[in-house]
Amino acid sequence: LVPGSATLRATIREVGSTALLPAWVRITAADGTVVDDWKLPGLPGFPCDGQFTARVPAGKVKLEIHRRLSHEWVIEEFDSLADQTLERNYQLKPWAPMREQGYFCGDSHNHVKIPLDKVALYCRALGIDYLDLCQGWGYMQKGDENTTGAEIEQNIKAHCCDDMHLFFGAERPKTRYGHTWWLNLKPFDKPNAEYRSEE
């Protein structure tokens, strides 16, 4: 335990559900420090899979839990004491029954600069259902230009889970005029070829 800190243990669920709900957590100490911050631009805090344990400085604490647009935010302010253990159970209320209305959230052509083993957790916490990942951004050994699209796809799929799906995406063709946004793109043999000037 960090001297002068308390332990916060919490679970997060959707109103009316017993299942854990992945969400984004922002814990701000009295001095403005964000606890366990992933330091992502415009998104302070950290993702969790529906439960988390954090060490918070003693004193006034502000806690914010959200999934961006799908649920109402939970905001709580409280005082913590050194060596105290706090237990919390939070419930997030959905703005609308989005699943029942046929909505799914995702995007293609993404340059996600976080480790692949953390991409799914990041997406689940923000209510993202699928993501197409462009070749070359942390999904292969650095400097290995011979990595095939199939190998990248296999690596990406290994990090999927039931409620978050990752797919192979690409910038192709890459020309002086820009490049194309793809859906359902099949992996190709030399995904990095168009990044070398001689090709």
C-alpha atoms as a PDB file:
ATOM      1  CA  LEU A   1       0.000   0.000   0.000  1.00  0.00           C
ATOM      2  CA  VAL A   2       1.304   3.464  -0.893  1.00  0.00           C
ATOM      3  CA  PRO A   3       1.846   5.504   2.321  1.00  0.00           C
ATOM      4  CA  GLY A   4      -1.047   7.860   2.927  1.00  0.00           C
ATOM      5  CA  SER A   5      -3.362   6.049   0.537  1.00  0.00           C
ATOM      6  CA  ALA A   6      -6.617   4.113   0.689  1.00  0.00           C
ATOM      7  CA  THR A   7      -7.712   1.064  -1.306  1.00  0.00           C
ATOM      8  CA  LEU A   8     -10.816   1.335  -3.445  1.00  0.00           C
ATOM      9  CA  ARG A   9     -12.449  -1.879  -4.659  1.00  0.00           C
ATOM     10  CA  ALA A  10     -15.402  -1.511  -6.986  1.00  0.00           C
ATOM     11  CA  THR A  11     -17.726  -3.367  -9.320  1.00  0.00           C
ATOM     12  CA  ILE A  12     -19.680  -1.869 -12.215  1.00  0.00           C
ATOM     13  CA  ARG A  13     -22.926  -3.218 -13.658  1.00  0.00           C
ATOM     14  CA  GLU A  14     -25.724  -2.002 -15.865  1.00  0.00           C
ATOM     15  CA  VAL A  15     -28.935  -1.163 -14.045  1.00  0.00           C
ATOM     16  CA  GLY A  16     -31.044  -4.324 -13.816  1.00  0.00           C
ATOM     17  CA  SER A  17     -28.192  -6.687 -14.725  1.00  0.00           C
ATOM     18  CA  THR A  18     -25.975  -8.939 -12.622  1.00  0.00           C
ATOM     19  CA  ALA A  19     -23.224  -9.114 -15.263  1.00  0.00           C
ATOM     20  CA  LEU A  20     -20.102  -7.003 -14.879  1.00  0.00           C
ATOM     21  CA  LEU A  21     -20.001  -4.040 -17.283  1.00  0.00           C
ATOM     22  CA  PRO A  22     -16.664  -2.901 -18.749  1.00  0.00           C
ATOM     23  CA  ALA A  23     -16.247   0.847 -18.320  1.00  0.00           C
ATOM     24  CA  TRP A  24     -13.767   3.722 -18.241  1.00  0.00           C
ATOM     25  CA  VAL A  25     -12.742   4.987 -14.809  1.00  0.00           C
ATOM     26  CA  ARG A  26     -11.316   8.360 -13.868  1.00  0.00           C
ATOM     27  CA  ILE A  27     -10.188   8.849 -10.271  1.00  0.00           C
ATOM     28  CA  THR A  28      -8.929  12.350  -9.512  1.00  0.00           C
ATOM     29  CA  ALA A  29      -7.099  13.189  -6.289  1.00  0.00           C
ATOM     30  CA  ALA A  30      -7.320  16.540  -4.513  1.00  0.00           C
ATOM     31  CA  ASP A  31      -4.123  17.751  -6.217  1.00  0.00           C
ATOM     32  CA  GLY A  32      -5.510  16.973  -9.672  1.00  0.00           C
ATOM     33  CA  THR A  33      -3.536  13.764 -10.169  1.00  0.00           C
ATOM     34  CA  VAL A  34      -5.427  11.081 -12.092  1.00  0.00           C
ATOM     35  CA  VAL A  35      -4.911   7.657 -10.521  1.00  0.00           C
ATOM     36  CA  ASP A  36      -3.518   4.888 -12.796  1.00  0.00           C
ATOM     37  CA  ASP A  37      -3.859   7.174 -15.815  1.00  0.00           C
ATOM     38  CA  TRP A  38      -3.236   5.545 -19.224  1.00  0.00           C
ATOM     39  CA  LYS A  39      -2.313   9.032 -20.458  1.00  0.00           C
ATOM     40  CA  LEU A  40      -4.346   8.859 -23.657  1.00  0.00           C
ATOM     41  CA  PRO A  41      -5.114  12.208 -25.336  1.00  0.00           C
ATOM     42  CA  GLY A  42      -8.520  13.484 -24.280  1.00  0.00           C
ATOM     43  CA  LEU A  43      -9.295  10.362 -22.243  1.00  0.00           C
ATOM     44  CA  PRO A  44      -7.852  10.504 -18.720  1.00  0.00           C
ATOM     45  CA  GLY A  45      -8.183   7.448 -16.512  1.00  0.00           C
ATOM     46  CA  PHE A  46      -8.088   3.726 -17.195  1.00  0.00           C
ATOM     47  CA  PRO A  47     -10.321   0.973 -18.577  1.00  0.00           C
ATOM     48  CA  CYS A  48     -11.637  -1.915 -16.501  1.00  0.00           C
ATOM     49  CA  ASP A  49     -13.579  -5.091 -17.236  1.00  0.00           C
ATOM     50  CA  GLY A  50     -16.319  -4.280 -14.739  1.00  0.00           C
ATOM     51  CA  GLN A  51     -14.294  -4.465 -11.568  1.00  0.00           C
ATOM     52  CA  PHE A  52     -11.164  -2.758 -10.350  1.00  0.00           C
ATOM     53  CA  THR A  53      -8.945  -2.135  -7.356  1.00  0.00           C
ATOM     54  CA  ALA A  54      -7.120   1.183  -7.105  1.00  0.00           C
ATOM     55  CA  ARG A  55      -4.954   2.920  -4.555  1.00  0.00           C
ATOM     56  CA  VAL A  56      -6.176   6.446  -4.013  1.00  0.00           C
ATOM     57  CA  PRO A  57      -4.429   9.224  -2.075  1.00  0.00           C
ATOM     58  CA  ALA A  58      -5.984  10.072   1.266  1.00  0.00           C
ATOM     59  CA  GLY A  59      -8.197  13.136   1.088  1.00  0.00           C
ATOM     60  CA  LYS A  60     -10.872  14.324  -1.290  1.00  0.00           C
ATOM     61  CA  VAL A  61     -11.412  12.055  -4.284  1.00  0.00           C
ATOM     62  CA  LYS A  62     -13.587  12.460  -7.374  1.00  0.00           C
ATOM     63  CA  LEU A  63     -14.625   9.292  -9.195  1.00  0.00           C
ATOM     64  CA  GLU A  64     -16.145   9.270 -12.695  1.00  0.00           C
ATOM     65  CA  ILE A  65     -17.285   6.143 -14.535  1.00  0.00           C
ATOM     66  CA  HIS A  66     -18.534   6.156 -18.102  1.00  0.00           C
ATOM     67  CA  ARG A  67     -18.849   4.321 -21.422  1.00  0.00           C
ATOM     68  CA  ARG A  68     -18.841   7.496 -23.505  1.00  0.00           C
ATOM     69  CA  LEU A  69     -22.231   7.773 -25.220  1.00  0.00           C
ATOM     70  CA  SER A  70     -24.087   4.565 -24.366  1.00  0.00           C
ATOM     71  CA  HIS A  71     -24.727   5.107 -20.640  1.00  0.00           C
ATOM     72  CA  GLU A  72     -25.238   7.913 -18.170  1.00  0.00           C
ATOM     73  CA  TRP A  73     -22.093   8.795 -16.252  1.00  0.00           C
ATOM     74  CA  VAL A  74     -21.691   7.953 -12.571  1.00  0.00           C
ATOM     75  CA  ILE A  75     -19.911  10.694 -10.614  1.00  0.00           C
ATOM     76  CA  GLU A  76     -19.108  10.451  -6.911  1.00  0.00           C
ATOM     77  CA  GLU A  77     -17.028  12.620  -4.616  1.00  0.00           C
ATOM     78  CA  PHE A  78     -15.857  11.314  -1.250  1.00  0.00           C
ATOM     79  CA  ASP A  79     -13.126  11.567   1.370  1.00  0.00           C
ATOM     80  CA  SER A  80     -10.687   8.709   1.831  1.00  0.00           C
ATOM     81  CA  LEU A  81      -8.503   7.975   4.839  1.00  0.00           C
ATOM     82  CA  ALA A  82      -5.008   6.502   4.897  1.00  0.00           C
ATOM     83  CA  ASP A  83      -5.048   2.684   5.165  1.00  0.00           C
ATOM     84  CA  GLN A  84      -8.817   2.616   4.637  1.00  0.00           C
ATOM     85  CA  THR A  85     -10.453   0.035   2.367  1.00  0.00           C
ATOM     86  CA  LEU A  86     -13.500   1.255   0.482  1.00  0.00           C
ATOM     87  CA  GLU A  87     -15.990  -1.095  -1.197  1.00  0.00           C
ATOM     88  CA  ARG A  88     -18.260   0.295  -3.904  1.00  0.00           C
ATOM     89  CA  ASN A  89     -20.869  -1.143  -6.288  1.00  0.00           C
ATOM     90  CA  TYR A  90     -21.837   1.127  -9.164  1.00  0.00           C
ATOM     91  CA  GLN A  91     -24.679   0.877 -11.664  1.00  0.00           C
ATOM     92  CA  LEU A  92     -24.766   2.619 -15.034  1.00  0.00           C
ATOM     93  CA  LYS A  93     -28.075   3.427 -16.669  1.00  0.00           C
ATOM     94  CA  PRO A  94     -28.219   3.084 -20.485  1.00  0.00           C
ATOM     95  CA  TRP A  95     -29.497   6.078 -22.393  1.00  0.00           C
ATOM     96  CA  ALA A  96     -31.498   3.819 -24.704  1.00  0.00           C
ATOM     97  CA  PRO A  97     -31.835   0.075 -25.489  1.00  0.00           C
ATOM     98  CA  MET A  98     -29.263   0.371 -28.279  1.00  0.00           C
ATOM     99  CA  ARG A  99     -28.781  -3.376 -28.814  1.00  0.00           C
ATOM    100  CA  GLU A 100     -32.508  -3.973 -29.093  1.00  0.00           C
ATOM    101  CA  GLN A 101     -32.670  -1.164 -31.643  1.00  0.00           C
ATOM    102  CA  GLY A 102     -29.970  -2.809 -33.743  1.00  0.00           C
ATOM    103  CA  TYR A 103     -27.071  -0.477 -32.980  1.00  0.00           C
ATOM    104  CA  PHE A 104     -23.482  -1.689 -32.891  1.00  0.00           C
ATOM    105  CA  CYS A 105     -20.442   0.500 -32.420  1.00  0.00           C
ATOM    106  CA  GLY A 106     -17.188   0.140 -34.318  1.00  0.00           C
ATOM    107  CA  ASP A 107     -14.809   1.631 -36.819  1.00  0.00           C
ATOM    108  CA  SER A 108     -12.402   0.769 -39.613  1.00  0.00           C
ATOM    109  CA  HIS A 109      -8.959   2.098 -40.526  1.00  0.00           C
ATOM    110  CA  ASN A 110      -7.515   2.611 -37.060  1.00  0.00           C
ATOM    111  CA  HIS A 111      -3.975   3.459 -36.014  1.00  0.00           C
ATOM    112  CA  VAL A 112      -4.243   2.410 -32.370  1.00  0.00           C
ATOM    113  CA  LYS A 113      -0.952   3.131 -30.635  1.00  0.00           C
ATOM    114  CA  ILE A 114      -1.463   0.963 -27.568  1.00  0.00           C
ATOM    115  CA  PRO A 115      -0.269  -2.638 -27.102  1.00  0.00           C
ATOM    116  CA  LEU A 116      -2.427  -5.194 -28.868  1.00  0.00           C
ATOM    117  CA  ASP A 117      -3.112  -7.099 -25.644  1.00  0.00           C
ATOM    118  CA  LYS A 118      -4.787  -3.947 -24.265  1.00  0.00           C
ATOM    119  CA  VAL A 119      -6.819  -2.944 -27.324  1.00  0.00           C
ATOM    120  CA  ALA A 120      -9.805  -5.172 -26.513  1.00  0.00           C
ATOM    121  CA  LEU A 121     -10.021  -3.914 -22.913  1.00  0.00           C
ATOM    122  CA  TYR A 122      -9.768  -0.321 -24.136  1.00  0.00           C
ATOM    123  CA  CYS A 123     -12.605  -0.877 -26.627  1.00  0.00           C
ATOM    124  CA  ARG A 124     -14.864  -2.835 -24.284  1.00  0.00           C
ATOM    125  CA  ALA A 125     -14.619  -0.087 -21.675  1.00  0.00           C
ATOM    126  CA  LEU A 126     -15.844   2.450 -24.239  1.00  0.00           C
ATOM    127  CA  GLY A 127     -18.674   0.305 -25.606  1.00  0.00           C
ATOM    128  CA  ILE A 128     -16.940  -0.442 -28.914  1.00  0.00           C
ATOM    129  CA  ASP A 129     -17.999  -3.762 -30.460  1.00  0.00           C
ATOM    130  CA  TYR A 130     -15.511  -4.139 -33.312  1.00  0.00           C
ATOM    131  CA  LEU A 131     -12.422  -2.496 -34.730  1.00  0.00           C
ATOM    132  CA  ASP A 132     -10.442  -2.905 -37.946  1.00  0.00           C
ATOM    133  CA  LEU A 133      -6.731  -2.391 -37.272  1.00  0.00           C
ATOM    134  CA  CYS A 134      -4.400  -1.094 -39.951  1.00  0.00           C
ATOM    135  CA  GLN A 135      -1.212  -3.001 -40.629  1.00  0.00           C
ATOM    136  CA  GLY A 136       2.049  -2.049 -39.028  1.00  0.00           C
ATOM    137  CA  TRP A 137       1.030  -0.267 -35.819  1.00  0.00           C
ATOM    138  CA  GLY A 138       2.358  -2.587 -33.136  1.00  0.00           C
ATOM    139  CA  TYR A 139       0.846  -5.808 -34.448  1.00  0.00           C
ATOM    140  CA  MET A 140       4.058  -7.456 -35.623  1.00  0.00           C
ATOM    141  CA  GLN A 141       7.747  -7.623 -34.753  1.00  0.00           C
ATOM    142  CA  LYS A 142       9.407  -4.273 -35.387  1.00  0.00           C
ATOM    143  CA  GLY A 143      11.511  -4.328 -38.503  1.00  0.00           C
ATOM    144  CA  ASP A 144       9.968  -7.558 -39.809  1.00  0.00           C
ATOM    145  CA  GLU A 145       8.694  -6.341 -43.167  1.00  0.00           C
ATOM    146  CA  ASN A 146       8.119  -9.913 -44.347  1.00  0.00           C
ATOM    147  CA  THR A 147       5.272 -10.524 -41.921  1.00  0.00           C
ATOM    148  CA  THR A 148       2.230 -11.609 -43.937  1.00  0.00           C
ATOM    149  CA  GLY A 149      -1.295 -10.325 -43.636  1.00  0.00           C
ATOM    150  CA  ALA A 150      -2.416 -13.790 -42.492  1.00  0.00           C
ATOM    151  CA  GLU A 151       0.078 -13.693 -39.616  1.00  0.00           C
ATOM    152  CA  ILE A 152      -1.117 -10.251 -38.582  1.00  0.00           C
ATOM    153  CA  GLU A 153      -4.736 -11.406 -38.735  1.00  0.00           C
ATOM    154  CA  GLN A 154      -3.970 -14.466 -36.616  1.00  0.00           C
ATOM    155  CA  ASN A 155      -2.264 -12.303 -34.015  1.00  0.00           C
ATOM    156  CA  ILE A 156      -5.181  -9.874 -33.963  1.00  0.00           C
ATOM    157  CA  LYS A 157      -7.808 -12.619 -33.635  1.00  0.00           C
ATOM    158  CA  ALA A 158      -5.955 -14.105 -30.663  1.00  0.00           C
ATOM    159  CA  HIS A 159      -6.882 -10.975 -28.711  1.00  0.00           C
ATOM    160  CA  CYS A 160     -10.615 -10.996 -29.491  1.00  0.00           C
ATOM    161  CA  CYS A 161     -13.263 -11.919 -26.941  1.00  0.00           C
ATOM    162  CA  ASP A 162     -16.999 -12.611 -26.978  1.00  0.00           C
ATOM    163  CA  ASP A 163     -18.053  -8.964 -26.838  1.00  0.00           C
ATOM    164  CA  MET A 164     -15.178  -7.359 -28.740  1.00  0.00           C
ATOM    165  CA  HIS A 165     -14.000  -8.333 -32.223  1.00  0.00           C
ATOM    166  CA  LEU A 166     -10.808  -7.171 -33.912  1.00  0.00           C
ATOM    167  CA  PHE A 167     -10.232  -7.477 -37.654  1.00  0.00           C
ATOM    168  CA  PHE A 168      -7.438  -6.977 -40.148  1.00  0.00           C
ATOM    169  CA  GLY A 169      -7.571  -3.568 -41.783  1.00  0.00           C
ATOM    170  CA  ALA A 170      -5.188  -1.713 -44.057  1.00  0.00           C
ATOM    171  CA  GLU A 171      -4.146   1.389 -45.862  1.00  0.00           C
ATOM    172  CA  ARG A 172      -4.254   0.251 -49.456  1.00  0.00           C
ATOM    173  CA  PRO A 173      -3.495   1.465 -52.016  1.00  0.00           C
ATOM    174  CA  LYS A 174      -1.196   4.012 -50.404  1.00  0.00           C
ATOM    175  CA  THR A 175      -0.536   6.727 -52.970  1.00  0.00           C
ATOM    176  CA  ARG A 176       0.328  10.400 -53.059  1.00  0.00           C
ATOM    177  CA  TYR A 177      -3.422  11.110 -53.287  1.00  0.00           C
ATOM    178  CA  GLY A 178      -4.367   9.275 -50.106  1.00  0.00           C
ATOM    179  CA  HIS A 179      -5.655   5.791 -49.447  1.00  0.00           C
ATOM    180  CA  THR A 180      -8.838   3.780 -49.186  1.00  0.00           C
ATOM    181  CA  TRP A 181     -11.095   2.905 -46.269  1.00  0.00           C
ATOM    182  CA  TRP A 182     -12.014  -0.799 -46.377  1.00  0.00           C
ATOM    183  CA  LEU A 183     -14.720  -3.042 -44.969  1.00  0.00           C
ATOM    184  CA  ASN A 184     -14.329  -6.853 -44.822  1.00  0.00           C
ATOM    185  CA  LEU A 185     -10.826  -6.655 -46.238  1.00  0.00           C
ATOM    186  CA  LYS A 186      -9.073 -10.007 -46.614  1.00  0.00           C
ATOM    187  CA  PRO A 187      -5.408 -10.156 -45.513  1.00  0.00           C
ATOM    188  CA  PHE A 188      -2.893  -9.905 -48.330  1.00  0.00           C
ATOM    189  CA  ASP A 189       0.593 -11.374 -48.595  1.00  0.00           C
ATOM    190  CA  LYS A 190       2.743  -8.271 -48.276  1.00  0.00           C
ATOM    191  CA  PRO A 191       0.853  -5.793 -46.108  1.00  0.00           C
ATOM    192  CA  ASN A 192       3.868  -3.505 -45.689  1.00  0.00           C
ATOM    193  CA  ALA A 193       5.051  -3.424 -49.299  1.00  0.00           C
ATOM    194  CA  GLU A 194       3.402  -0.103 -50.086  1.00  0.00           C
ATOM    195  CA  TYR A 195       5.300   1.601 -47.280  1.00  0.00           C
ATOM    196  CA  ARG A 196       8.630   1.109 -49.054  1.00  0.00           C
ATOM    197  CA  SER A 197       9.468   3.758 -51.598  1.00  0.00           C
ATOM    198  CA  GLU A 198      10.814   1.301 -54.155  1.00  0.00           C
ATOM    199  CA  GLU A 199       7.379  -0.289 -54.401  1.00  0.00           C
END
